[in-house]
Amino acid sequence: MKVIFDKLAREELTDAIEYYEIEIKGLGAKFKEETRRVLRIIKKMPKIGSPESENVKRYLLHKFPYKILYSNEIDHIYVIAVVHMHREPKYWINRNKKI
């Protein structure tokens, strides 16, 4: 199954990778790999995530304080947000779905 990122979700992922890389050399790469690992799991088992809200699931990263919010569409996984769990929890709620 194909994974499509919301534009803002892609920016959140990029920002987090850059932040971790600045903090500790190589940590950004580890964050990126952990995100890829989670996305592979979601692609194989799209219903695995816990409900976040109506039609939105969440899957927690194990080594970082982030969660992936996504919807399981007919022919793809739509990543709505890459959320730091210690920040404003519902900031993503009003995002319009644009592929």
PDB file of N, CA and C in Angstrom:
ATOM      1  N   MET A   1       0.846  -1.175   0.000  1.00  0.00           N
ATOM      2  CA  MET A   1       0.000   0.000   0.000  1.00  0.00           C
ATOM      3  C   MET A   1       0.896   1.244   0.000  1.00  0.00           C
ATOM      4  N   LYS A   2       0.459   2.243  -0.699  1.00  0.00           N
ATOM      5  CA  LYS A   2       1.205   3.484  -0.849  1.00  0.00           C
ATOM      6  C   LYS A   2       0.972   4.405   0.356  1.00  0.00           C
ATOM      7  N   VAL A   3       1.994   5.155   0.749  1.00  0.00           N
ATOM      8  CA  VAL A   3       1.882   6.143   1.827  1.00  0.00           C
ATOM      9  C   VAL A   3       2.007   7.530   1.216  1.00  0.00           C
ATOM     10  N   ILE A   4       1.029   8.380   1.504  1.00  0.00           N
ATOM     11  CA  ILE A   4       1.028   9.760   1.025  1.00  0.00           C
ATOM     12  C   ILE A   4       1.029  10.678   2.240  1.00  0.00           C
ATOM     13  N   PHE A   5       1.940  11.637   2.256  1.00  0.00           N
ATOM     14  CA  PHE A   5       2.053  12.592   3.357  1.00  0.00           C
ATOM     15  C   PHE A   5       1.311  13.873   3.033  1.00  0.00           C
ATOM     16  N   ASP A   6       0.578  14.394   4.003  1.00  0.00           N
ATOM     17  CA  ASP A   6       0.091  15.755   3.934  1.00  0.00           C
ATOM     18  C   ASP A   6       1.321  16.661   3.869  1.00  0.00           C
ATOM     19  N   LYS A   7       1.218  17.765   3.166  1.00  0.00           N
ATOM     20  CA  LYS A   7       2.365  18.667   3.019  1.00  0.00           C
ATOM     21  C   LYS A   7       2.922  19.098   4.384  1.00  0.00           C
ATOM     22  N   LEU A   8       2.041  19.448   5.305  1.00  0.00           N
ATOM     23  CA  LEU A   8       2.489  19.883   6.631  1.00  0.00           C
ATOM     24  C   LEU A   8       3.094  18.725   7.434  1.00  0.00           C
ATOM     25  N   ALA A   9       2.588  17.526   7.248  1.00  0.00           N
ATOM     26  CA  ALA A   9       3.156  16.355   7.922  1.00  0.00           C
ATOM     27  C   ALA A   9       4.576  16.098   7.425  1.00  0.00           C
ATOM     28  N   ARG A  10       4.791  16.266   6.138  1.00  0.00           N
ATOM     29  CA  ARG A  10       6.138  16.103   5.570  1.00  0.00           C
ATOM     30  C   ARG A  10       7.090  17.138   6.172  1.00  0.00           C
ATOM     31  N   GLU A  11       6.613  18.368   6.318  1.00  0.00           N
ATOM     32  CA  GLU A  11       7.432  19.426   6.927  1.00  0.00           C
ATOM     33  C   GLU A  11       7.738  19.105   8.385  1.00  0.00           C
ATOM     34  N   GLU A  12       6.761  18.578   9.108  1.00  0.00           N
ATOM     35  CA  GLU A  12       6.977  18.198  10.509  1.00  0.00           C
ATOM     36  C   GLU A  12       8.047  17.118  10.614  1.00  0.00           C
ATOM     37  N   LEU A  13       7.988  16.150   9.725  1.00  0.00           N
ATOM     38  CA  LEU A  13       8.986  15.080   9.723  1.00  0.00           C
ATOM     39  C   LEU A  13      10.375  15.645   9.437  1.00  0.00           C
ATOM     40  N   THR A  14      10.478  16.472   8.421  1.00  0.00           N
ATOM     41  CA  THR A  14      11.757  17.078   8.059  1.00  0.00           C
ATOM     42  C   THR A  14      12.305  17.935   9.198  1.00  0.00           C
ATOM     43  N   ASP A  15      11.443  18.728   9.809  1.00  0.00           N
ATOM     44  CA  ASP A  15      11.870  19.583  10.929  1.00  0.00           C
ATOM     45  C   ASP A  15      12.389  18.754  12.095  1.00  0.00           C
ATOM     46  N   ALA A  16      11.698  17.666  12.418  1.00  0.00           N
ATOM     47  CA  ALA A  16      12.124  16.811  13.533  1.00  0.00           C
ATOM     48  C   ALA A  16      13.461  16.148  13.234  1.00  0.00           C
ATOM     49  N   ILE A  17      13.648  15.670  12.017  1.00  0.00           N
ATOM     50  CA  ILE A  17      14.924  15.057  11.623  1.00  0.00           C
ATOM     51  C   ILE A  17      16.052  16.074  11.768  1.00  0.00           C
ATOM     52  N   GLU A  18      15.839  17.277  11.253  1.00  0.00           N
ATOM     53  CA  GLU A  18      16.860  18.326  11.332  1.00  0.00           C
ATOM     54  C   GLU A  18      17.155  18.704  12.778  1.00  0.00           C
ATOM     55  N   TYR A  19      16.116  18.828  13.598  1.00  0.00           N
ATOM     56  CA  TYR A  19      16.301  19.184  15.004  1.00  0.00           C
ATOM     57  C   TYR A  19      17.163  18.133  15.714  1.00  0.00           C
ATOM     58  N   TYR A  20      16.802  16.874  15.568  1.00  0.00           N
ATOM     59  CA  TYR A  20      17.560  15.814  16.243  1.00  0.00           C
ATOM     60  C   TYR A  20      18.996  15.738  15.740  1.00  0.00           C
ATOM     61  N   GLU A  21      19.193  15.978  14.463  1.00  0.00           N
ATOM     62  CA  GLU A  21      20.548  15.937  13.903  1.00  0.00           C
ATOM     63  C   GLU A  21      21.409  17.066  14.463  1.00  0.00           C
ATOM     64  N   ILE A  22      20.798  18.231  14.688  1.00  0.00           N
ATOM     65  CA  ILE A  22      21.527  19.352  15.288  1.00  0.00           C
ATOM     66  C   ILE A  22      21.876  19.042  16.740  1.00  0.00           C
ATOM     67  N   GLU A  23      20.937  18.417  17.445  1.00  0.00           N
ATOM     68  CA  GLU A  23      21.153  18.104  18.857  1.00  0.00           C
ATOM     69  C   GLU A  23      22.295  17.103  19.049  1.00  0.00           C
ATOM     70  N   ILE A  24      22.247  16.006  18.302  1.00  0.00           N
ATOM     71  CA  ILE A  24      23.262  14.952  18.401  1.00  0.00           C
ATOM     72  C   ILE A  24      23.474  14.368  17.008  1.00  0.00           C
ATOM     73  N   LYS A  25      24.702  14.435  16.538  1.00  0.00           N
ATOM     74  CA  LYS A  25      25.039  13.906  15.213  1.00  0.00           C
ATOM     75  C   LYS A  25      24.583  12.445  15.105  1.00  0.00           C
ATOM     76  N   GLY A  26      23.804  12.145  14.081  1.00  0.00           N
ATOM     77  CA  GLY A  26      23.319  10.787  13.848  1.00  0.00           C
ATOM     78  C   GLY A  26      21.939  10.519  14.422  1.00  0.00           C
ATOM     79  N   LEU A  27      21.475  11.364  15.345  1.00  0.00           N
ATOM     80  CA  LEU A  27      20.161  11.137  15.955  1.00  0.00           C
ATOM     81  C   LEU A  27      19.032  11.419  14.964  1.00  0.00           C
ATOM     82  N   GLY A  28      19.245  12.367  14.080  1.00  0.00           N
ATOM     83  CA  GLY A  28      18.247  12.639  13.040  1.00  0.00           C
ATOM     84  C   GLY A  28      18.048  11.429  12.151  1.00  0.00           C
ATOM     85  N   ALA A  29      19.137  10.761  11.797  1.00  0.00           N
ATOM     86  CA  ALA A  29      19.051   9.544  10.973  1.00  0.00           C
ATOM     87  C   ALA A  29      18.309   8.441  11.723  1.00  0.00           C
ATOM     88  N   LYS A  30      18.526   8.350  13.018  1.00  0.00           N
ATOM     89  CA  LYS A  30      17.822   7.336  13.822  1.00  0.00           C
ATOM     90  C   LYS A  30      16.330   7.631  13.888  1.00  0.00           C
ATOM     91  N   PHE A  31      15.986   8.917  14.012  1.00  0.00           N
ATOM     92  CA  PHE A  31      14.575   9.307  14.011  1.00  0.00           C
ATOM     93  C   PHE A  31      13.935   8.956  12.669  1.00  0.00           C
ATOM     94  N   LYS A  32      14.635   9.258  11.593  1.00  0.00           N
ATOM     95  CA  LYS A  32      14.130   8.952  10.251  1.00  0.00           C
ATOM     96  C   LYS A  32      13.917   7.449  10.080  1.00  0.00           C
ATOM     97  N   GLU A  33      14.842   6.642  10.549  1.00  0.00           N
ATOM     98  CA  GLU A  33      14.717   5.189  10.429  1.00  0.00           C
ATOM     99  C   GLU A  33      13.571   4.664  11.296  1.00  0.00           C
ATOM    100  N   GLU A  34      13.406   5.209  12.484  1.00  0.00           N
ATOM    101  CA  GLU A  34      12.291   4.788  13.344  1.00  0.00           C
ATOM    102  C   GLU A  34      10.958   5.129  12.678  1.00  0.00           C
ATOM    103  N   THR A  35      10.886   6.284  12.044  1.00  0.00           N
ATOM    104  CA  THR A  35       9.666   6.669  11.326  1.00  0.00           C
ATOM    105  C   THR A  35       9.411   5.712  10.167  1.00  0.00           C
ATOM    106  N   ARG A  36      10.431   5.368   9.433  1.00  0.00           N
ATOM    107  CA  ARG A  36      10.285   4.410   8.331  1.00  0.00           C
ATOM    108  C   ARG A  36       9.816   3.050   8.834  1.00  0.00           C
ATOM    109  N   ARG A  37      10.368   2.612   9.975  1.00  0.00           N
ATOM    110  CA  ARG A  37       9.977   1.331  10.554  1.00  0.00           C
ATOM    111  C   ARG A  37       8.482   1.332  10.874  1.00  0.00           C
ATOM    112  N   VAL A  38       8.017   2.421  11.509  1.00  0.00           N
ATOM    113  CA  VAL A  38       6.609   2.538  11.861  1.00  0.00           C
ATOM    114  C   VAL A  38       5.741   2.560  10.602  1.00  0.00           C
ATOM    115  N   LEU A  39       6.167   3.282   9.587  1.00  0.00           N
ATOM    116  CA  LEU A  39       5.375   3.343   8.347  1.00  0.00           C
ATOM    117  C   LEU A  39       5.306   1.978   7.650  1.00  0.00           C
ATOM    118  N   ARG A  40       6.371   1.190   7.740  1.00  0.00           N
ATOM    119  CA  ARG A  40       6.332  -0.169   7.175  1.00  0.00           C
ATOM    120  C   ARG A  40       5.282  -1.017   7.895  1.00  0.00           C
ATOM    121  N   ILE A  41       5.223  -0.885   9.209  1.00  0.00           N
ATOM    122  CA  ILE A  41       4.228  -1.622   9.995  1.00  0.00           C
ATOM    123  C   ILE A  41       2.825  -1.181   9.597  1.00  0.00           C
ATOM    124  N   ILE A  42       2.613   0.122   9.520  1.00  0.00           N
ATOM    125  CA  ILE A  42       1.292   0.650   9.162  1.00  0.00           C
ATOM    126  C   ILE A  42       0.895   0.195   7.759  1.00  0.00           C
ATOM    127  N   LYS A  43       1.839   0.181   6.823  1.00  0.00           N
ATOM    128  CA  LYS A  43       1.535  -0.262   5.459  1.00  0.00           C
ATOM    129  C   LYS A  43       1.080  -1.715   5.453  1.00  0.00           C
ATOM    130  N   LYS A  44       1.727  -2.556   6.243  1.00  0.00           N
ATOM    131  CA  LYS A  44       1.372  -3.979   6.288  1.00  0.00           C
ATOM    132  C   LYS A  44       0.062  -4.219   7.021  1.00  0.00           C
ATOM    133  N   MET A  45      -0.178  -3.434   8.082  1.00  0.00           N
ATOM    134  CA  MET A  45      -1.359  -3.630   8.923  1.00  0.00           C
ATOM    135  C   MET A  45      -2.024  -2.286   9.202  1.00  0.00           C
ATOM    136  N   PRO A  46      -2.711  -1.715   8.229  1.00  0.00           N
ATOM    137  CA  PRO A  46      -3.247  -0.361   8.363  1.00  0.00           C
ATOM    138  C   PRO A  46      -4.212  -0.164   9.540  1.00  0.00           C
ATOM    139  N   LYS A  47      -4.825  -1.223  10.014  1.00  0.00           N
ATOM    140  CA  LYS A  47      -5.791  -1.095  11.112  1.00  0.00           C
ATOM    141  C   LYS A  47      -5.131  -1.193  12.485  1.00  0.00           C
ATOM    142  N   ILE A  48      -3.814  -1.304  12.524  1.00  0.00           N
ATOM    143  CA  ILE A  48      -3.095  -1.523  13.777  1.00  0.00           C
ATOM    144  C   ILE A  48      -3.142  -0.338  14.727  1.00  0.00           C
ATOM    145  N   GLY A  49      -3.222   0.862  14.221  1.00  0.00           N
ATOM    146  CA  GLY A  49      -3.178   2.050  15.063  1.00  0.00           C
ATOM    147  C   GLY A  49      -4.367   2.164  16.000  1.00  0.00           C
ATOM    148  N   SER A  50      -4.171   2.891  17.072  1.00  0.00           N
ATOM    149  CA  SER A  50      -5.256   3.167  18.026  1.00  0.00           C
ATOM    150  C   SER A  50      -6.066   4.354  17.522  1.00  0.00           C
ATOM    151  N   PRO A  51      -7.358   4.397  17.831  1.00  0.00           N
ATOM    152  CA  PRO A  51      -8.164   5.541  17.393  1.00  0.00           C
ATOM    153  C   PRO A  51      -7.702   6.846  18.047  1.00  0.00           C
ATOM    154  N   GLU A  52      -7.536   7.872  17.240  1.00  0.00           N
ATOM    155  CA  GLU A  52      -7.200   9.214  17.732  1.00  0.00           C
ATOM    156  C   GLU A  52      -8.449  10.086  17.700  1.00  0.00           C
ATOM    157  N   SER A  53      -9.174   9.983  16.623  1.00  0.00           N
ATOM    158  CA  SER A  53     -10.457  10.656  16.464  1.00  0.00           C
ATOM    159  C   SER A  53     -11.181   9.899  15.346  1.00  0.00           C
ATOM    160  N   GLU A  54     -12.321  10.387  14.955  1.00  0.00           N
ATOM    161  CA  GLU A  54     -13.075   9.702  13.915  1.00  0.00           C
ATOM    162  C   GLU A  54     -12.245   9.595  12.631  1.00  0.00           C
ATOM    163  N   ASN A  55     -12.037   8.381  12.156  1.00  0.00           N
ATOM    164  CA  ASN A  55     -11.298   8.081  10.924  1.00  0.00           C
ATOM    165  C   ASN A  55      -9.804   8.389  10.982  1.00  0.00           C
ATOM    166  N   VAL A  56      -9.281   8.695  12.154  1.00  0.00           N
ATOM    167  CA  VAL A  56      -7.845   8.957  12.291  1.00  0.00           C
ATOM    168  C   VAL A  56      -7.274   7.999  13.328  1.00  0.00           C
ATOM    169  N   LYS A  57      -6.174   7.353  12.935  1.00  0.00           N
ATOM    170  CA  LYS A  57      -5.483   6.431  13.837  1.00  0.00           C
ATOM    171  C   LYS A  57      -4.130   7.015  14.212  1.00  0.00           C
ATOM    172  N   ARG A  58      -3.587   6.518  15.318  1.00  0.00           N
ATOM    173  CA  ARG A  58      -2.259   6.948  15.754  1.00  0.00           C
ATOM    174  C   ARG A  58      -1.396   5.710  15.972  1.00  0.00           C
ATOM    175  N   TYR A  59      -0.117   5.897  15.730  1.00  0.00           N
ATOM    176  CA  TYR A  59       0.868   4.862  16.031  1.00  0.00           C
ATOM    177  C   TYR A  59       2.070   5.568  16.639  1.00  0.00           C
ATOM    178  N   LEU A  60       2.469   5.118  17.824  1.00  0.00           N
ATOM    179  CA  LEU A  60       3.549   5.764  18.560  1.00  0.00           C
ATOM    180  C   LEU A  60       4.911   5.267  18.100  1.00  0.00           C
ATOM    181  N   LEU A  61       5.837   6.189  17.984  1.00  0.00           N
ATOM    182  CA  LEU A  61       7.230   5.799  17.777  1.00  0.00           C
ATOM    183  C   LEU A  61       7.752   5.305  19.120  1.00  0.00           C
ATOM    184  N   HIS A  62       8.578   4.279  19.101  1.00  0.00           N
ATOM    185  CA  HIS A  62       9.023   3.670  20.353  1.00  0.00           C
ATOM    186  C   HIS A  62      10.189   4.398  20.994  1.00  0.00           C
ATOM    187  N   LYS A  63      11.024   5.027  20.227  1.00  0.00           N
ATOM    188  CA  LYS A  63      12.249   5.611  20.771  1.00  0.00           C
ATOM    189  C   LYS A  63      12.225   7.129  20.843  1.00  0.00           C
ATOM    190  N   PHE A  64      11.151   7.728  20.396  1.00  0.00           N
ATOM    191  CA  PHE A  64      11.038   9.190  20.358  1.00  0.00           C
ATOM    192  C   PHE A  64       9.630   9.589  20.796  1.00  0.00           C
ATOM    193  N   PRO A  65       9.454  10.795  21.353  1.00  0.00           N
ATOM    194  CA  PRO A  65       8.133  11.224  21.830  1.00  0.00           C
ATOM    195  C   PRO A  65       7.246  11.754  20.697  1.00  0.00           C
ATOM    196  N   TYR A  66       7.034  10.941  19.695  1.00  0.00           N
ATOM    197  CA  TYR A  66       6.237  11.315  18.526  1.00  0.00           C
ATOM    198  C   TYR A  66       5.209  10.240  18.227  1.00  0.00           C
ATOM    199  N   LYS A  67       4.162  10.665  17.542  1.00  0.00           N
ATOM    200  CA  LYS A  67       3.177   9.725  17.019  1.00  0.00           C
ATOM    201  C   LYS A  67       2.870  10.106  15.579  1.00  0.00           C
ATOM    202  N   ILE A  68       2.542   9.101  14.803  1.00  0.00           N
ATOM    203  CA  ILE A  68       2.125   9.290  13.412  1.00  0.00           C
ATOM    204  C   ILE A  68       0.600   9.223  13.406  1.00  0.00           C
ATOM    205  N   LEU A  69      -0.037  10.255  12.892  1.00  0.00           N
ATOM    206  CA  LEU A  69      -1.487  10.256  12.733  1.00  0.00           C
ATOM    207  C   LEU A  69      -1.794  10.009  11.263  1.00  0.00           C
ATOM    208  N   TYR A  70      -2.695   9.072  11.009  1.00  0.00           N
ATOM    209  CA  TYR A  70      -2.960   8.688   9.627  1.00  0.00           C
ATOM    210  C   TYR A  70      -4.402   8.232   9.452  1.00  0.00           C
ATOM    211  N   SER A  71      -4.825   8.223   8.210  1.00  0.00           N
ATOM    212  CA  SER A  71      -6.118   7.641   7.863  1.00  0.00           C
ATOM    213  C   SER A  71      -5.865   6.531   6.850  1.00  0.00           C
ATOM    214  N   ASN A  72      -6.656   5.503   6.967  1.00  0.00           N
ATOM    215  CA  ASN A  72      -6.553   4.351   6.084  1.00  0.00           C
ATOM    216  C   ASN A  72      -7.552   4.545   4.948  1.00  0.00           C
ATOM    217  N   GLU A  73      -7.044   4.961   3.797  1.00  0.00           N
ATOM    218  CA  GLU A  73      -7.897   5.215   2.640  1.00  0.00           C
ATOM    219  C   GLU A  73      -8.032   3.938   1.809  1.00  0.00           C
ATOM    220  N   ILE A  74      -8.851   3.970   0.784  1.00  0.00           N
ATOM    221  CA  ILE A  74      -9.097   2.783  -0.035  1.00  0.00           C
ATOM    222  C   ILE A  74      -7.816   2.239  -0.648  1.00  0.00           C
ATOM    223  N   ASP A  75      -6.997   3.109  -1.210  1.00  0.00           N
ATOM    224  CA  ASP A  75      -5.818   2.630  -1.937  1.00  0.00           C
ATOM    225  C   ASP A  75      -4.496   3.185  -1.399  1.00  0.00           C
ATOM    226  N   HIS A  76      -4.533   3.831  -0.219  1.00  0.00           N
ATOM    227  CA  HIS A  76      -3.301   4.372   0.346  1.00  0.00           C
ATOM    228  C   HIS A  76      -3.477   4.713   1.823  1.00  0.00           C
ATOM    229  N   ILE A  77      -2.349   4.944   2.470  1.00  0.00           N
ATOM    230  CA  ILE A  77      -2.312   5.467   3.833  1.00  0.00           C
ATOM    231  C   ILE A  77      -2.019   6.952   3.705  1.00  0.00           C
ATOM    232  N   TYR A  78      -2.825   7.774   4.361  1.00  0.00           N
ATOM    233  CA  TYR A  78      -2.633   9.216   4.311  1.00  0.00           C
ATOM    234  C   TYR A  78      -2.103   9.681   5.658  1.00  0.00           C
ATOM    235  N   VAL A  79      -0.849  10.148   5.693  1.00  0.00           N
ATOM    236  CA  VAL A  79      -0.243  10.639   6.922  1.00  0.00           C
ATOM    237  C   VAL A  79      -0.676  12.091   7.111  1.00  0.00           C
ATOM    238  N   ILE A  80      -1.426  12.313   8.182  1.00  0.00           N
ATOM    239  CA  ILE A  80      -1.996  13.618   8.462  1.00  0.00           C
ATOM    240  C   ILE A  80      -1.014  14.500   9.221  1.00  0.00           C
ATOM    241  N   ALA A  81      -0.295  13.891  10.174  1.00  0.00           N
ATOM    242  CA  ALA A  81       0.617  14.673  11.009  1.00  0.00           C
ATOM    243  C   ALA A  81       1.680  13.775  11.627  1.00  0.00           C
ATOM    244  N   VAL A  82       2.835  14.378  11.903  1.00  0.00           N
ATOM    245  CA  VAL A  82       3.911  13.755  12.667  1.00  0.00           C
ATOM    246  C   VAL A  82       4.009  14.610  13.926  1.00  0.00           C
ATOM    247  N   VAL A  83       3.431  14.116  15.026  1.00  0.00           N
ATOM    248  CA  VAL A  83       3.133  14.933  16.198  1.00  0.00           C
ATOM    249  C   VAL A  83       4.087  14.663  17.355  1.00  0.00           C
ATOM    250  N   HIS A  84       4.691  15.740  17.866  1.00  0.00           N
ATOM    251  CA  HIS A  84       5.442  15.647  19.113  1.00  0.00           C
ATOM    252  C   HIS A  84       4.410  15.566  20.239  1.00  0.00           C
ATOM    253  N   MET A  85       4.501  14.562  21.086  1.00  0.00           N
ATOM    254  CA  MET A  85       3.446  14.298  22.068  1.00  0.00           C
ATOM    255  C   MET A  85       3.464  15.227  23.274  1.00  0.00           C
ATOM    256  N   HIS A  86       4.452  16.110  23.383  1.00  0.00           N
ATOM    257  CA  HIS A  86       4.500  17.037  24.510  1.00  0.00           C
ATOM    258  C   HIS A  86       4.143  18.455  24.095  1.00  0.00           C
ATOM    259  N   ARG A  87       3.555  18.583  22.918  1.00  0.00           N
ATOM    260  CA  ARG A  87       3.133  19.899  22.428  1.00  0.00           C
ATOM    261  C   ARG A  87       1.616  19.927  22.297  1.00  0.00           C
ATOM    262  N   GLU A  88       1.093  20.984  21.782  1.00  0.00           N
ATOM    263  CA  GLU A  88      -0.353  21.141  21.599  1.00  0.00           C
ATOM    264  C   GLU A  88      -0.945  19.890  20.942  1.00  0.00           C
ATOM    265  N   PRO A  89      -1.820  19.172  21.643  1.00  0.00           N
ATOM    266  CA  PRO A  89      -2.242  17.854  21.150  1.00  0.00           C
ATOM    267  C   PRO A  89      -3.171  17.849  19.936  1.00  0.00           C
ATOM    268  N   LYS A  90      -3.993  18.837  19.754  1.00  0.00           N
ATOM    269  CA  LYS A  90      -5.000  18.781  18.684  1.00  0.00           C
ATOM    270  C   LYS A  90      -4.803  19.828  17.589  1.00  0.00           C
ATOM    271  N   TYR A  91      -3.586  20.338  17.443  1.00  0.00           N
ATOM    272  CA  TYR A  91      -3.340  21.405  16.470  1.00  0.00           C
ATOM    273  C   TYR A  91      -3.646  20.978  15.036  1.00  0.00           C
ATOM    274  N   TRP A  92      -3.566  19.720  14.756  1.00  0.00           N
ATOM    275  CA  TRP A  92      -3.720  19.178  13.400  1.00  0.00           C
ATOM    276  C   TRP A  92      -5.169  18.984  12.982  1.00  0.00           C
ATOM    277  N   ILE A  93      -6.114  19.091  13.907  1.00  0.00           N
ATOM    278  CA  ILE A  93      -7.506  18.707  13.689  1.00  0.00           C
ATOM    279  C   ILE A  93      -8.147  19.382  12.474  1.00  0.00           C
ATOM    280  N   ASN A  94      -7.812  20.626  12.187  1.00  0.00           N
ATOM    281  CA  ASN A  94      -8.461  21.360  11.090  1.00  0.00           C
ATOM    282  C   ASN A  94      -7.721  21.306   9.773  1.00  0.00           C
ATOM    283  N   ARG A  95      -6.791  20.406   9.658  1.00  0.00           N
ATOM    284  CA  ARG A  95      -6.078  20.296   8.385  1.00  0.00           C
ATOM    285  C   ARG A  95      -7.013  19.752   7.306  1.00  0.00           C
ATOM    286  N   ASN A  96      -6.974  20.397   6.167  1.00  0.00           N
ATOM    287  CA  ASN A  96      -7.743  19.916   5.027  1.00  0.00           C
ATOM    288  C   ASN A  96      -6.938  18.845   4.324  1.00  0.00           C
ATOM    289  N   LYS A  97      -7.603  17.819   3.900  1.00  0.00           N
ATOM    290  CA  LYS A  97      -6.934  16.735   3.200  1.00  0.00           C
ATOM    291  C   LYS A  97      -6.664  17.166   1.759  1.00  0.00           C
ATOM    292  N   LYS A  98      -5.385  17.271   1.437  1.00  0.00           N
ATOM    293  CA  LYS A  98      -4.978  17.669   0.077  1.00  0.00           C
ATOM    294  C   LYS A  98      -3.887  16.722  -0.389  1.00  0.00           C
ATOM    295  N   ILE A  99      -4.162  15.993  -1.405  1.00  0.00           N
ATOM    296  CA  ILE A  99      -3.204  15.029  -1.942  1.00  0.00           C
ATOM    297  C   ILE A  99      -2.510  15.641  -3.139  1.00  0.00           C
TER     298      ILE A  99
END
